[in-house]
Amino acid sequence: MKRETIFLKIAIFLIGIPILALALFILPMIAKEAAVYYPKIIYLPVIIGIYLTAIPFYFALYQAFKLLNYIDKNKAFSEASVTSLKYIKYCATAIGVTYGAFMPLFYIIGEKDDAPGLILIGLLFTFAPIVVAVFAAVLQKLLQNAIDIKLDNDLTI
């Protein structure tokens, strides 16, 4: 394993652990407390939405790990890398759209608690994955162009 990517692989692993702990331990406690203050029609979709976004999140982490493995094997400029970036883009878009769809519920909870900061946190959860998706799309396009140029150079020699 190359030393350059070992740090990034550890970072990917360390990113996944707190989200798993949040989903397994903290989110159920929040759900129990929310059940006291809000009707099920308000808090239950938010909890389900958070759990649903964990699936594309971990799939994107897996794709990032695969991308680092391609870099280790000197296959960074390959179609497999472009495919990994495409999946990361789709996962980030799915997460952003899911949180965007639940923004009205964040608004209702924020109004009931008189907590406008909750709405800003909801917007952060909506737009941060969209920024990641745009960045992955730019990287995907650049990598595809580099592969095309490399292929053209290989054919002309």
N, C-alpha and C. Protein backbone atom coordinates (compact mmCIF):
# COMPACT_ATOMS: atom_id res chain seq x y z
N MET A 1 0.84 -1.18 0.00
CA MET A 1 0.00 0.00 0.00
C MET A 1 0.89 1.24 0.00
N LYS A 2 0.52 2.20 -0.81
CA LYS A 2 1.33 3.41 -0.89
C LYS A 2 1.07 4.31 0.31
N ARG A 3 2.12 5.01 0.69
CA ARG A 3 2.01 5.89 1.86
C ARG A 3 1.12 7.08 1.59
N GLU A 4 1.03 7.51 0.34
CA GLU A 4 0.23 8.70 0.02
C GLU A 4 -1.26 8.47 0.26
N THR A 5 -1.72 7.27 -0.01
CA THR A 5 -3.16 7.01 0.11
C THR A 5 -3.55 6.38 1.44
N ILE A 6 -2.61 5.92 2.22
CA ILE A 6 -2.95 5.29 3.50
C ILE A 6 -3.64 6.29 4.42
N PHE A 7 -3.18 7.54 4.40
CA PHE A 7 -3.82 8.57 5.23
C PHE A 7 -5.27 8.79 4.79
N LEU A 8 -5.49 8.82 3.48
CA LEU A 8 -6.85 9.03 2.98
C LEU A 8 -7.76 7.84 3.28
N LYS A 9 -7.20 6.64 3.22
CA LYS A 9 -8.00 5.46 3.56
C LYS A 9 -8.38 5.47 5.04
N ILE A 10 -7.45 5.87 5.88
CA ILE A 10 -7.75 5.98 7.31
C ILE A 10 -8.80 7.07 7.54
N ALA A 11 -8.69 8.16 6.80
CA ALA A 11 -9.68 9.24 6.92
C ALA A 11 -11.07 8.76 6.52
N ILE A 12 -11.15 7.99 5.46
CA ILE A 12 -12.45 7.45 5.04
C ILE A 12 -13.03 6.56 6.14
N PHE A 13 -12.19 5.73 6.71
CA PHE A 13 -12.64 4.86 7.81
C PHE A 13 -13.10 5.69 9.01
N LEU A 14 -12.34 6.73 9.34
CA LEU A 14 -12.70 7.57 10.49
C LEU A 14 -13.92 8.44 10.23
N ILE A 15 -14.23 8.71 8.99
CA ILE A 15 -15.46 9.44 8.65
C ILE A 15 -16.67 8.53 8.85
N GLY A 16 -16.52 7.26 8.53
CA GLY A 16 -17.64 6.34 8.62
C GLY A 16 -18.02 5.95 10.03
N ILE A 17 -17.06 5.90 10.94
CA ILE A 17 -17.33 5.46 12.32
C ILE A 17 -18.30 6.39 13.05
N PRO A 18 -18.10 7.72 13.06
CA PRO A 18 -19.05 8.57 13.80
C PRO A 18 -20.46 8.54 13.22
N ILE A 19 -20.57 8.41 11.91
CA ILE A 19 -21.90 8.35 11.31
C ILE A 19 -22.60 7.06 11.71
N LEU A 20 -21.86 5.97 11.77
CA LEU A 20 -22.43 4.71 12.23
C LEU A 20 -22.85 4.81 13.69
N ALA A 21 -22.01 5.41 14.52
CA ALA A 21 -22.36 5.60 15.94
C ALA A 21 -23.59 6.50 16.08
N LEU A 22 -23.65 7.53 15.26
CA LEU A 22 -24.81 8.43 15.28
C LEU A 22 -26.08 7.67 14.92
N ALA A 23 -26.01 6.85 13.88
CA ALA A 23 -27.20 6.12 13.43
C ALA A 23 -27.61 5.04 14.43
N LEU A 24 -26.66 4.42 15.09
CA LEU A 24 -27.00 3.31 15.97
C LEU A 24 -27.34 3.73 17.40
N PHE A 25 -26.72 4.80 17.89
CA PHE A 25 -26.89 5.14 19.30
C PHE A 25 -27.60 6.47 19.54
N ILE A 26 -27.15 7.52 18.88
CA ILE A 26 -27.67 8.86 19.18
C ILE A 26 -29.03 9.10 18.54
N LEU A 27 -29.20 8.66 17.31
CA LEU A 27 -30.47 8.90 16.62
C LEU A 27 -31.66 8.23 17.30
N PRO A 28 -31.53 7.00 17.80
CA PRO A 28 -32.67 6.43 18.55
C PRO A 28 -33.02 7.22 19.82
N MET A 29 -32.01 7.78 20.50
CA MET A 29 -32.30 8.60 21.68
C MET A 29 -33.04 9.87 21.27
N ILE A 30 -32.63 10.47 20.17
CA ILE A 30 -33.32 11.66 19.68
C ILE A 30 -34.75 11.32 19.29
N ALA A 31 -34.95 10.16 18.68
CA ALA A 31 -36.29 9.75 18.28
C ALA A 31 -37.20 9.55 19.48
N LYS A 32 -36.66 8.96 20.57
CA LYS A 32 -37.47 8.78 21.78
C LYS A 32 -37.90 10.12 22.36
N GLU A 33 -36.98 11.08 22.37
CA GLU A 33 -37.32 12.40 22.90
C GLU A 33 -38.27 13.14 21.98
N ALA A 34 -38.10 12.98 20.68
CA ALA A 34 -38.99 13.65 19.73
C ALA A 34 -40.40 13.10 19.79
N ALA A 35 -40.52 11.82 20.15
CA ALA A 35 -41.85 11.22 20.25
C ALA A 35 -42.69 11.88 21.33
N VAL A 36 -42.03 12.45 22.33
CA VAL A 36 -42.76 13.11 23.42
C VAL A 36 -43.31 14.46 22.95
N TYR A 37 -42.56 15.18 22.15
CA TYR A 37 -42.91 16.55 21.80
C TYR A 37 -43.64 16.71 20.46
N TYR A 38 -43.46 15.78 19.55
CA TYR A 38 -44.01 15.95 18.20
C TYR A 38 -44.87 14.75 17.83
N PRO A 39 -45.87 14.99 16.99
CA PRO A 39 -46.63 13.84 16.50
C PRO A 39 -45.77 13.02 15.53
N LYS A 40 -46.14 11.75 15.35
CA LYS A 40 -45.36 10.86 14.50
C LYS A 40 -45.25 11.36 13.07
N ILE A 41 -46.23 12.07 12.61
CA ILE A 41 -46.21 12.54 11.22
C ILE A 41 -45.11 13.57 10.98
N ILE A 42 -44.60 14.18 12.04
CA ILE A 42 -43.54 15.17 11.91
C ILE A 42 -42.16 14.54 12.05
N TYR A 43 -41.92 13.85 13.16
CA TYR A 43 -40.54 13.42 13.43
C TYR A 43 -40.19 12.10 12.75
N LEU A 44 -41.15 11.23 12.53
CA LEU A 44 -40.85 9.92 11.95
C LEU A 44 -40.27 10.02 10.54
N PRO A 45 -40.81 10.85 9.63
CA PRO A 45 -40.18 10.97 8.31
C PRO A 45 -38.75 11.52 8.37
N VAL A 46 -38.48 12.41 9.32
CA VAL A 46 -37.13 12.95 9.44
C VAL A 46 -36.16 11.84 9.86
N ILE A 47 -36.56 11.02 10.82
CA ILE A 47 -35.71 9.92 11.28
C ILE A 47 -35.50 8.91 10.15
N ILE A 48 -36.56 8.58 9.43
CA ILE A 48 -36.45 7.65 8.31
C ILE A 48 -35.56 8.23 7.22
N GLY A 49 -35.70 9.52 6.96
CA GLY A 49 -34.86 10.17 5.95
C GLY A 49 -33.39 10.14 6.31
N ILE A 50 -33.09 10.33 7.59
CA ILE A 50 -31.69 10.28 8.02
C ILE A 50 -31.14 8.87 7.85
N TYR A 51 -31.93 7.87 8.20
CA TYR A 51 -31.46 6.50 8.00
C TYR A 51 -31.33 6.16 6.51
N LEU A 52 -32.23 6.67 5.69
CA LEU A 52 -32.15 6.41 4.25
C LEU A 52 -30.91 7.02 3.62
N THR A 53 -30.48 8.16 4.13
CA THR A 53 -29.29 8.79 3.55
C THR A 53 -28.00 8.09 3.97
N ALA A 54 -28.07 7.23 4.97
CA ALA A 54 -26.87 6.49 5.37
C ALA A 54 -26.45 5.49 4.30
N ILE A 55 -27.41 4.97 3.55
CA ILE A 55 -27.10 3.98 2.51
C ILE A 55 -26.25 4.60 1.40
N PRO A 56 -26.68 5.71 0.77
CA PRO A 56 -25.80 6.28 -0.24
C PRO A 56 -24.50 6.86 0.34
N PHE A 57 -24.53 7.28 1.60
CA PHE A 57 -23.32 7.79 2.22
C PHE A 57 -22.25 6.71 2.30
N TYR A 58 -22.62 5.53 2.79
CA TYR A 58 -21.64 4.46 2.90
C TYR A 58 -21.25 3.89 1.54
N PHE A 59 -22.17 3.92 0.58
CA PHE A 59 -21.81 3.49 -0.77
C PHE A 59 -20.80 4.46 -1.38
N ALA A 60 -20.97 5.75 -1.12
CA ALA A 60 -20.00 6.74 -1.62
C ALA A 60 -18.65 6.57 -0.94
N LEU A 61 -18.64 6.27 0.35
CA LEU A 61 -17.37 5.99 1.03
C LEU A 61 -16.69 4.76 0.44
N TYR A 62 -17.47 3.75 0.11
CA TYR A 62 -16.91 2.56 -0.52
C TYR A 62 -16.32 2.89 -1.88
N GLN A 63 -17.01 3.72 -2.65
CA GLN A 63 -16.50 4.12 -3.96
C GLN A 63 -15.23 4.94 -3.83
N ALA A 64 -15.16 5.79 -2.81
CA ALA A 64 -13.94 6.57 -2.58
C ALA A 64 -12.78 5.65 -2.20
N PHE A 65 -13.07 4.62 -1.42
CA PHE A 65 -12.04 3.64 -1.07
C PHE A 65 -11.56 2.89 -2.31
N LYS A 66 -12.50 2.52 -3.19
CA LYS A 66 -12.12 1.87 -4.44
C LYS A 66 -11.27 2.78 -5.30
N LEU A 67 -11.62 4.06 -5.33
CA LEU A 67 -10.85 5.03 -6.10
C LEU A 67 -9.42 5.13 -5.58
N LEU A 68 -9.26 5.11 -4.28
CA LEU A 68 -7.91 5.12 -3.71
C LEU A 68 -7.14 3.84 -4.04
N ASN A 69 -7.84 2.73 -4.11
CA ASN A 69 -7.18 1.48 -4.52
C ASN A 69 -6.73 1.56 -5.98
N TYR A 70 -7.54 2.19 -6.83
CA TYR A 70 -7.13 2.37 -8.23
C TYR A 70 -5.88 3.24 -8.31
N ILE A 71 -5.82 4.24 -7.47
CA ILE A 71 -4.63 5.11 -7.45
C ILE A 71 -3.42 4.30 -7.00
N ASP A 72 -3.60 3.44 -6.00
CA ASP A 72 -2.49 2.59 -5.53
C ASP A 72 -1.97 1.67 -6.63
N LYS A 73 -2.87 1.19 -7.46
CA LYS A 73 -2.50 0.25 -8.52
C LYS A 73 -2.09 0.96 -9.81
N ASN A 74 -1.90 2.28 -9.75
CA ASN A 74 -1.56 3.09 -10.92
C ASN A 74 -2.61 2.98 -12.03
N LYS A 75 -3.86 2.87 -11.64
CA LYS A 75 -4.98 2.83 -12.58
C LYS A 75 -5.90 4.03 -12.35
N ALA A 76 -5.32 5.15 -11.96
CA ALA A 76 -6.12 6.33 -11.66
C ALA A 76 -6.79 6.86 -12.92
N PHE A 77 -6.10 6.76 -14.05
CA PHE A 77 -6.66 7.23 -15.31
C PHE A 77 -7.28 6.06 -16.06
N SER A 78 -8.40 5.57 -15.50
CA SER A 78 -9.10 4.46 -16.11
C SER A 78 -10.61 4.72 -16.05
N GLU A 79 -11.33 3.94 -16.81
CA GLU A 79 -12.79 4.07 -16.81
C GLU A 79 -13.38 3.68 -15.46
N ALA A 80 -12.72 2.81 -14.73
CA ALA A 80 -13.20 2.41 -13.41
C ALA A 80 -13.18 3.60 -12.44
N SER A 81 -12.17 4.44 -12.56
CA SER A 81 -12.10 5.64 -11.72
C SER A 81 -13.22 6.60 -12.06
N VAL A 82 -13.49 6.74 -13.35
CA VAL A 82 -14.59 7.61 -13.79
C VAL A 82 -15.92 7.07 -13.26
N THR A 83 -16.08 5.75 -13.30
CA THR A 83 -17.31 5.14 -12.79
C THR A 83 -17.46 5.37 -11.29
N SER A 84 -16.38 5.25 -10.54
CA SER A 84 -16.44 5.52 -9.10
C SER A 84 -16.85 6.96 -8.82
N LEU A 85 -16.27 7.89 -9.57
CA LEU A 85 -16.66 9.29 -9.39
C LEU A 85 -18.12 9.53 -9.77
N LYS A 86 -18.58 8.82 -10.78
CA LYS A 86 -19.99 8.95 -11.18
C LYS A 86 -20.90 8.48 -10.06
N TYR A 87 -20.56 7.34 -9.43
CA TYR A 87 -21.37 6.84 -8.33
C TYR A 87 -21.32 7.77 -7.12
N ILE A 88 -20.18 8.35 -6.85
CA ILE A 88 -20.06 9.32 -5.76
C ILE A 88 -20.96 10.52 -6.04
N LYS A 89 -20.96 10.97 -7.28
CA LYS A 89 -21.82 12.10 -7.67
C LYS A 89 -23.29 11.75 -7.46
N TYR A 90 -23.70 10.57 -7.89
CA TYR A 90 -25.09 10.16 -7.73
C TYR A 90 -25.48 10.03 -6.25
N CYS A 91 -24.59 9.47 -5.45
CA CYS A 91 -24.88 9.32 -4.02
C CYS A 91 -25.01 10.67 -3.33
N ALA A 92 -24.10 11.59 -3.64
CA ALA A 92 -24.17 12.92 -3.02
C ALA A 92 -25.44 13.65 -3.45
N THR A 93 -25.82 13.49 -4.71
CA THR A 93 -27.06 14.12 -5.18
C THR A 93 -28.26 13.52 -4.46
N ALA A 94 -28.27 12.20 -4.29
CA ALA A 94 -29.39 11.55 -3.60
C ALA A 94 -29.51 12.03 -2.15
N ILE A 95 -28.38 12.19 -1.49
CA ILE A 95 -28.40 12.67 -0.10
C ILE A 95 -28.94 14.10 -0.05
N GLY A 96 -28.45 14.97 -0.93
CA GLY A 96 -28.91 16.35 -0.95
C GLY A 96 -30.39 16.47 -1.27
N VAL A 97 -30.86 15.69 -2.23
CA VAL A 97 -32.28 15.73 -2.61
C VAL A 97 -33.15 15.20 -1.48
N THR A 98 -32.68 14.15 -0.80
CA THR A 98 -33.46 13.59 0.31
C THR A 98 -33.62 14.61 1.43
N TYR A 99 -32.51 15.26 1.82
CA TYR A 99 -32.63 16.27 2.86
C TYR A 99 -33.42 17.48 2.39
N GLY A 100 -33.31 17.82 1.12
CA GLY A 100 -34.10 18.92 0.57
C GLY A 100 -35.59 18.62 0.62
N ALA A 101 -35.95 17.36 0.38
CA ALA A 101 -37.37 16.98 0.43
C ALA A 101 -37.92 17.06 1.85
N PHE A 102 -37.07 16.88 2.84
CA PHE A 102 -37.52 16.93 4.23
C PHE A 102 -37.37 18.31 4.87
N MET A 103 -36.98 19.31 4.09
CA MET A 103 -36.83 20.66 4.64
C MET A 103 -38.13 21.23 5.21
N PRO A 104 -39.29 20.99 4.60
CA PRO A 104 -40.51 21.51 5.25
C PRO A 104 -40.72 20.96 6.66
N LEU A 105 -40.31 19.73 6.90
CA LEU A 105 -40.44 19.17 8.26
C LEU A 105 -39.46 19.83 9.21
N PHE A 106 -38.24 20.14 8.73
CA PHE A 106 -37.30 20.89 9.55
C PHE A 106 -37.89 22.26 9.90
N TYR A 107 -38.59 22.85 8.94
CA TYR A 107 -39.22 24.16 9.18
C TYR A 107 -40.30 24.05 10.26
N ILE A 108 -41.12 23.02 10.18
CA ILE A 108 -42.19 22.85 11.17
C ILE A 108 -41.60 22.63 12.56
N ILE A 109 -40.57 21.79 12.65
CA ILE A 109 -39.94 21.54 13.95
C ILE A 109 -39.26 22.82 14.46
N GLY A 110 -38.62 23.57 13.56
CA GLY A 110 -37.97 24.82 13.96
C GLY A 110 -38.97 25.86 14.43
N GLU A 111 -40.13 25.91 13.81
CA GLU A 111 -41.17 26.86 14.23
C GLU A 111 -41.75 26.46 15.58
N LYS A 112 -41.97 25.18 15.79
CA LYS A 112 -42.55 24.75 17.06
C LYS A 112 -41.60 24.99 18.22
N ASP A 113 -40.30 24.75 18.00
CA ASP A 113 -39.31 24.95 19.05
C ASP A 113 -38.79 26.37 19.11
N ASP A 114 -39.20 27.20 18.16
CA ASP A 114 -38.68 28.57 18.03
C ASP A 114 -37.16 28.53 17.90
N ALA A 115 -36.69 27.66 16.98
CA ALA A 115 -35.25 27.47 16.77
C ALA A 115 -34.94 27.67 15.28
N PRO A 116 -34.69 28.92 14.89
CA PRO A 116 -34.39 29.14 13.47
C PRO A 116 -33.07 28.52 13.04
N GLY A 117 -32.18 28.23 13.98
CA GLY A 117 -30.91 27.59 13.64
C GLY A 117 -31.10 26.19 13.09
N LEU A 118 -32.21 25.53 13.46
CA LEU A 118 -32.49 24.19 12.95
C LEU A 118 -32.71 24.23 11.44
N ILE A 119 -33.32 25.29 10.96
CA ILE A 119 -33.56 25.43 9.52
C ILE A 119 -32.22 25.63 8.80
N LEU A 120 -31.31 26.40 9.41
CA LEU A 120 -29.99 26.58 8.79
C LEU A 120 -29.20 25.28 8.78
N ILE A 121 -29.34 24.49 9.82
CA ILE A 121 -28.67 23.18 9.84
C ILE A 121 -29.25 22.29 8.75
N GLY A 122 -30.56 22.34 8.58
CA GLY A 122 -31.19 21.57 7.50
C GLY A 122 -30.70 22.02 6.13
N LEU A 123 -30.51 23.32 5.96
CA LEU A 123 -29.98 23.82 4.68
C LEU A 123 -28.54 23.37 4.48
N LEU A 124 -27.77 23.33 5.55
CA LEU A 124 -26.40 22.84 5.45
C LEU A 124 -26.38 21.38 5.01
N PHE A 125 -27.26 20.57 5.61
CA PHE A 125 -27.34 19.16 5.23
C PHE A 125 -27.84 18.98 3.80
N THR A 126 -28.54 19.98 3.29
CA THR A 126 -29.04 19.90 1.91
C THR A 126 -27.97 20.32 0.91
N PHE A 127 -27.28 21.42 1.18
CA PHE A 127 -26.37 21.98 0.18
C PHE A 127 -24.96 21.41 0.23
N ALA A 128 -24.50 20.90 1.36
CA ALA A 128 -23.16 20.32 1.43
C ALA A 128 -23.02 19.11 0.50
N PRO A 129 -23.98 18.18 0.46
CA PRO A 129 -23.85 17.08 -0.49
C PRO A 129 -23.94 17.54 -1.95
N ILE A 130 -24.69 18.60 -2.20
CA ILE A 130 -24.78 19.11 -3.56
C ILE A 130 -23.43 19.68 -4.00
N VAL A 131 -22.72 20.32 -3.08
CA VAL A 131 -21.38 20.82 -3.39
C VAL A 131 -20.44 19.64 -3.69
N VAL A 132 -20.55 18.57 -2.92
CA VAL A 132 -19.74 17.38 -3.17
C VAL A 132 -20.08 16.78 -4.53
N ALA A 133 -21.37 16.77 -4.88
CA ALA A 133 -21.79 16.23 -6.17
C ALA A 133 -21.23 17.06 -7.33
N VAL A 134 -21.25 18.37 -7.19
CA VAL A 134 -20.69 19.23 -8.24
C VAL A 134 -19.20 19.01 -8.36
N PHE A 135 -18.50 18.91 -7.24
CA PHE A 135 -17.06 18.67 -7.26
C PHE A 135 -16.74 17.32 -7.91
N ALA A 136 -17.53 16.29 -7.57
CA ALA A 136 -17.31 14.97 -8.18
C ALA A 136 -17.61 15.01 -9.67
N ALA A 137 -18.61 15.78 -10.08
CA ALA A 137 -18.92 15.89 -11.51
C ALA A 137 -17.79 16.57 -12.27
N VAL A 138 -17.21 17.61 -11.67
CA VAL A 138 -16.08 18.30 -12.31
C VAL A 138 -14.88 17.35 -12.42
N LEU A 139 -14.58 16.63 -11.34
CA LEU A 139 -13.48 15.67 -11.37
C LEU A 139 -13.74 14.56 -12.39
N GLN A 140 -14.98 14.11 -12.47
CA GLN A 140 -15.33 13.07 -13.43
C GLN A 140 -15.09 13.55 -14.86
N LYS A 141 -15.52 14.76 -15.14
CA LYS A 141 -15.34 15.32 -16.49
C LYS A 141 -13.86 15.52 -16.80
N LEU A 142 -13.10 16.06 -15.87
CA LEU A 142 -11.67 16.25 -16.08
C LEU A 142 -10.95 14.92 -16.29
N LEU A 143 -11.30 13.92 -15.50
CA LEU A 143 -10.67 12.62 -15.63
C LEU A 143 -11.03 11.98 -16.96
N GLN A 144 -12.28 12.13 -17.38
CA GLN A 144 -12.70 11.57 -18.67
C GLN A 144 -11.95 12.26 -19.82
N ASN A 145 -11.78 13.57 -19.73
CA ASN A 145 -11.02 14.30 -20.76
C ASN A 145 -9.56 13.86 -20.76
N ALA A 146 -8.97 13.65 -19.59
CA ALA A 146 -7.58 13.19 -19.53
C ALA A 146 -7.44 11.79 -20.12
N ILE A 147 -8.40 10.93 -19.87
CA ILE A 147 -8.36 9.58 -20.44
C ILE A 147 -8.48 9.65 -21.96
N ASP A 148 -9.37 10.52 -22.45
CA ASP A 148 -9.53 10.68 -23.91
C ASP A 148 -8.25 11.20 -24.55
N ILE A 149 -7.60 12.17 -23.92
CA ILE A 149 -6.34 12.71 -24.45
C ILE A 149 -5.26 11.63 -24.43
N LYS A 150 -5.20 10.87 -23.35
CA LYS A 150 -4.21 9.79 -23.25
C LYS A 150 -4.45 8.75 -24.34
N LEU A 151 -5.70 8.40 -24.58
CA LEU A 151 -6.04 7.44 -25.61
C LEU A 151 -5.66 7.95 -27.00
N ASP A 152 -5.92 9.24 -27.25
CA ASP A 152 -5.53 9.84 -28.53
C ASP A 152 -4.01 9.82 -28.71
N ASN A 153 -3.29 10.13 -27.64
CA ASN A 153 -1.82 10.09 -27.73
C ASN A 153 -1.29 8.69 -27.95
N ASP A 154 -1.93 7.69 -27.32
CA ASP A 154 -1.50 6.32 -27.51
C ASP A 154 -1.76 5.84 -28.94
N LEU A 155 -2.83 6.33 -29.55
CA LEU A 155 -3.15 5.91 -30.91
C LEU A 155 -2.31 6.62 -31.97
N THR A 156 -1.83 7.83 -31.67
CA THR A 156 -1.06 8.55 -32.69
C THR A 156 0.40 8.12 -32.74
N ILE A 157 0.90 7.51 -31.73
CA ILE A 157 2.32 7.14 -31.72
C ILE A 157 2.57 5.85 -32.46
